[in-house]
C-alpha atoms as a PDB file:
ATOM      1  CA  MET A   1    -136.843 -73.924-307.830  1.00  0.00           C
ATOM      2  CA  LYS A   2    -137.487 -73.287-304.155  1.00  0.00           C
ATOM      3  CA  ARG A   3    -138.682 -69.756-304.834  1.00  0.00           C
ATOM      4  CA  SER A   4    -141.056 -70.979-307.537  1.00  0.00           C
ATOM      5  CA  VAL A   5    -142.643 -73.525-305.200  1.00  0.00           C
ATOM      6  CA  GLU A   6    -142.884 -71.112-302.261  1.00  0.00           C
ATOM      7  CA  GLU A   7    -143.889 -67.919-304.071  1.00  0.00           C
ATOM      8  CA  ASP A   8    -145.412 -68.752-307.457  1.00  0.00           C
ATOM      9  CA  VAL A   9    -147.769 -71.614-306.656  1.00  0.00           C
ATOM     10  CA  PHE A  10    -151.307 -70.626-305.776  1.00  0.00           C
ATOM     11  CA  ILE A  11    -154.293 -72.924-306.021  1.00  0.00           C
ATOM     12  CA  PRO A  12    -157.389 -71.364-304.472  1.00  0.00           C
ATOM     13  CA  LEU A  13    -159.731 -73.553-302.491  1.00  0.00           C
ATOM     14  CA  TYR A  14    -163.326 -72.670-303.187  1.00  0.00           C
ATOM     15  CA  PRO A  15    -166.379 -74.364-301.664  1.00  0.00           C
ATOM     16  CA  LYS A  16    -167.425 -77.455-303.612  1.00  0.00           C
ATOM     17  CA  SER A  17    -170.720 -75.771-304.518  1.00  0.00           C
ATOM     18  CA  THR A  18    -168.763 -72.992-306.232  1.00  0.00           C
ATOM     19  CA  VAL A  19    -166.616 -75.252-308.423  1.00  0.00           C
ATOM     20  CA  GLU A  20    -169.184 -77.969-309.217  1.00  0.00           C
ATOM     21  CA  ASP A  21    -170.193 -75.905-312.232  1.00  0.00           C
ATOM     22  CA  LYS A  22    -167.225 -76.542-314.529  1.00  0.00           C
ATOM     23  CA  SER A  23    -168.109 -73.472-316.612  1.00  0.00           C
ATOM     24  CA  SER A  24    -167.865 -71.079-313.652  1.00  0.00           C
ATOM     25  CA  LEU A  25    -164.946 -68.662-313.509  1.00  0.00           C
ATOM     26  CA  HIS A  26    -163.907 -70.009-310.100  1.00  0.00           C
ATOM     27  CA  SER A  27    -163.746 -73.552-311.373  1.00  0.00           C
ATOM     28  CA  LYS A  28    -161.811 -72.624-314.495  1.00  0.00           C
ATOM     29  CA  PHE A  29    -159.308 -70.553-312.517  1.00  0.00           C
ATOM     30  CA  GLN A  30    -158.772 -73.300-309.966  1.00  0.00           C
ATOM     31  CA  GLU A  31    -158.230 -75.853-312.726  1.00  0.00           C
ATOM     32  CA  ARG A  32    -155.687 -73.646-314.536  1.00  0.00           C
ATOM     33  CA  ARG A  33    -153.765 -73.122-311.300  1.00  0.00           C
ATOM     34  CA  PHE A  34    -153.812 -76.871-310.537  1.00  0.00           C
ATOM     35  CA  TRP A  35    -152.470 -77.825-313.974  1.00  0.00           C
ATOM     36  CA  SER A  36    -149.815 -75.087-313.737  1.00  0.00           C
ATOM     37  CA  ALA A  37    -148.651 -76.633-310.460  1.00  0.00           C
ATOM     38  CA  VAL A  38    -148.604 -80.124-312.030  1.00  0.00           C
ATOM     39  CA  LYS A  39    -146.434 -78.754-314.833  1.00  0.00           C
ATOM     40  CA  LEU A  40    -144.076 -77.262-312.227  1.00  0.00           C
ATOM     41  CA  LEU A  41    -143.991 -80.647-310.446  1.00  0.00           C
ATOM     42  CA  SER A  42    -143.115 -82.378-313.680  1.00  0.00           C
ATOM     43  CA  ASN A  43    -140.324 -79.886-314.447  1.00  0.00           C
ATOM     44  CA  LEU A  44    -139.014 -80.042-310.890  1.00  0.00           C
ATOM     45  CA  LEU A  45    -138.836 -83.836-310.861  1.00  0.00           C
ATOM     46  CA  LEU A  46    -136.916 -83.820-314.162  1.00  0.00           C
ATOM     47  CA  TRP A  47    -133.994 -82.447-312.158  1.00  0.00           C
ATOM     48  CA  ASP A  48    -133.737 -85.785-310.309  1.00  0.00           C
ATOM     49  CA  GLY A  49    -130.238 -87.117-310.884  1.00  0.00           C
ATOM     50  CA  ILE A  50    -128.882 -83.628-311.537  1.00  0.00           C
ATOM     51  CA  VAL A  51    -129.836 -81.903-308.277  1.00  0.00           C
ATOM     52  CA  GLN A  52    -129.486 -83.785-304.996  1.00  0.00           C
ATOM     53  CA  GLU A  53    -132.386 -86.268-304.620  1.00  0.00           C
ATOM     54  CA  ASP A  54    -133.305 -85.064-301.117  1.00  0.00           C
ATOM     55  CA  THR A  55    -133.777 -81.528-302.409  1.00  0.00           C
ATOM     56  CA  VAL A  56    -135.905 -82.646-305.372  1.00  0.00           C
ATOM     57  CA  ARG A  57    -138.049 -84.879-303.159  1.00  0.00           C
ATOM     58  CA  ASP A  58    -138.503 -82.157-300.548  1.00  0.00           C
ATOM     59  CA  LEU A  59    -139.520 -79.503-303.062  1.00  0.00           C
ATOM     60  CA  GLY A  60    -141.541 -81.747-305.338  1.00  0.00           C
ATOM     61  CA  LEU A  61    -143.252 -84.092-302.919  1.00  0.00           C
ATOM     62  CA  SER A  62    -143.202 -82.570-299.421  1.00  0.00           C
ATOM     63  CA  LYS A  63    -143.910 -79.018-300.507  1.00  0.00           C
ATOM     64  CA  LEU A  64    -145.603 -79.003-303.921  1.00  0.00           C
ATOM     65  CA  LEU A  65    -147.532 -82.252-303.883  1.00  0.00           C
ATOM     66  CA  ASN A  66    -148.470 -82.450-300.202  1.00  0.00           C
ATOM     67  CA  ARG A  67    -148.979 -78.719-299.610  1.00  0.00           C
ATOM     68  CA  TYR A  68    -150.817 -77.671-302.769  1.00  0.00           C
ATOM     69  CA  LEU A  69    -151.805 -80.439-305.191  1.00  0.00           C
ATOM     70  CA  LEU A  70    -153.140 -82.911-302.629  1.00  0.00           C
ATOM     71  CA  LEU A  71    -155.558 -80.351-301.172  1.00  0.00           C
ATOM     72  CA  ASN A  72    -157.047 -79.841-304.610  1.00  0.00           C
ATOM     73  CA  LEU A  73    -157.244 -83.594-305.223  1.00  0.00           C
ATOM     74  CA  LEU A  74    -159.018 -84.150-301.908  1.00  0.00           C
ATOM     75  CA  ASN A  75    -161.611 -81.528-302.879  1.00  0.00           C
ATOM     76  CA  THR A  76    -162.162 -82.913-306.366  1.00  0.00           C
ATOM     77  CA  PRO A  77    -165.194 -85.224-306.451  1.00  0.00           C
ATOM     78  CA  PRO A  78    -164.459 -88.877-307.239  1.00  0.00           C
ATOM     79  CA  GLY A  79    -164.700 -89.564-310.945  1.00  0.00           C
ATOM     80  CA  PRO A  80    -162.880 -89.134-314.247  1.00  0.00           C
ATOM     81  CA  ASP A  81    -161.471 -85.655-313.386  1.00  0.00           C
ATOM     82  CA  ASN A  82    -159.901 -86.907-310.165  1.00  0.00           C
ATOM     83  CA  ILE A  83    -158.513 -89.994-311.915  1.00  0.00           C
ATOM     84  CA  GLU A  84    -156.959 -87.868-314.664  1.00  0.00           C
ATOM     85  CA  LYS A  85    -155.374 -85.541-312.126  1.00  0.00           C
ATOM     86  CA  CYS A  86    -153.933 -88.395-310.096  1.00  0.00           C
ATOM     87  CA  SER A  87    -152.641 -90.124-313.208  1.00  0.00           C
ATOM     88  CA  LYS A  88    -150.797 -86.986-314.309  1.00  0.00           C
ATOM     89  CA  VAL A  89    -149.190 -86.628-310.883  1.00  0.00           C
ATOM     90  CA  VAL A  90    -148.096 -90.276-310.887  1.00  0.00           C
ATOM     91  CA  ALA A  91    -146.650 -89.888-314.386  1.00  0.00           C
ATOM     92  CA  CYS A  92    -144.321 -87.170-313.049  1.00  0.00           C
ATOM     93  CA  LEU A  93    -142.687 -89.432-310.469  1.00  0.00           C
ATOM     94  CA  PRO A  94    -139.257 -90.864-311.380  1.00  0.00           C
ATOM     95  CA  GLU A  95    -139.483 -94.676-311.606  1.00  0.00           C
ATOM     96  CA  ARG A  96    -136.054 -95.164-310.050  1.00  0.00           C
ATOM     97  CA  TRP A  97    -137.376 -93.887-306.711  1.00  0.00           C
ATOM     98  CA  PHE A  98    -139.454 -97.067-306.443  1.00  0.00           C
ATOM     99  CA  HIS A  99    -136.931 -99.700-307.541  1.00  0.00           C
ATOM    100  CA  ASP A 100    -135.617-100.558-304.068  1.00  0.00           C
ATOM    101  CA  LEU A 101    -138.934-100.399-302.220  1.00  0.00           C
ATOM    102  CA  LYS A 102    -140.546-103.516-300.817  1.00  0.00           C
ATOM    103  CA  SER A 103    -143.847-104.607-302.308  1.00  0.00           C
ATOM    104  CA  GLY A 104    -146.760-102.702-300.813  1.00  0.00           C
ATOM    105  CA  SER A 105    -144.616 -99.843-299.533  1.00  0.00           C
ATOM    106  CA  THR A 106    -144.035 -96.326-300.791  1.00  0.00           C
ATOM    107  CA  LEU A 107    -141.957 -93.260-300.132  1.00  0.00           C
ATOM    108  CA  PRO A 108    -142.782 -91.523-296.833  1.00  0.00           C
ATOM    109  CA  GLU A 109    -143.645 -88.316-298.728  1.00  0.00           C
ATOM    110  CA  LEU A 110    -146.265 -90.180-300.760  1.00  0.00           C
ATOM    111  CA  LEU A 111    -148.237 -91.750-297.906  1.00  0.00           C
ATOM    112  CA  ASN A 112    -151.073 -89.207-297.983  1.00  0.00           C
ATOM    113  CA  PHE A 113    -151.272 -89.340-301.787  1.00  0.00           C
ATOM    114  CA  CYS A 114    -151.397 -93.147-301.659  1.00  0.00           C
ATOM    115  CA  GLN A 115    -154.183 -93.050-299.091  1.00  0.00           C
ATOM    116  CA  HIS A 116    -156.128 -90.747-301.418  1.00  0.00           C
ATOM    117  CA  LEU A 117    -155.588 -93.181-304.312  1.00  0.00           C
ATOM    118  CA  LEU A 118    -156.823 -96.102-302.197  1.00  0.00           C
ATOM    119  CA  GLN A 119    -160.012 -94.233-301.310  1.00  0.00           C
END
């Protein structure tokens, strides 16, 4: 899992002007790479409860979400595409991670993602 996150994930960051045209090759490639990384996140987080939670959280949230996915989300213009991407990321997160949290708080690894959602 660690090798997949560190060596197989690649989401290029193009200038906004390059990817605004959804039919451009750059935009399509960036979108495919983003959704591939979301699929990896989903698969990685399914190991929660089997593999040690700290390992799953580190690989899934600290490395994959915060290092790769969040950069793409921050460069996606506000609107339906960004909402869909964020919704898919949230759907990957195991609910049990949030059971013991106080109202209005979140996991430390999700602070940047939560700030993006609030904006």
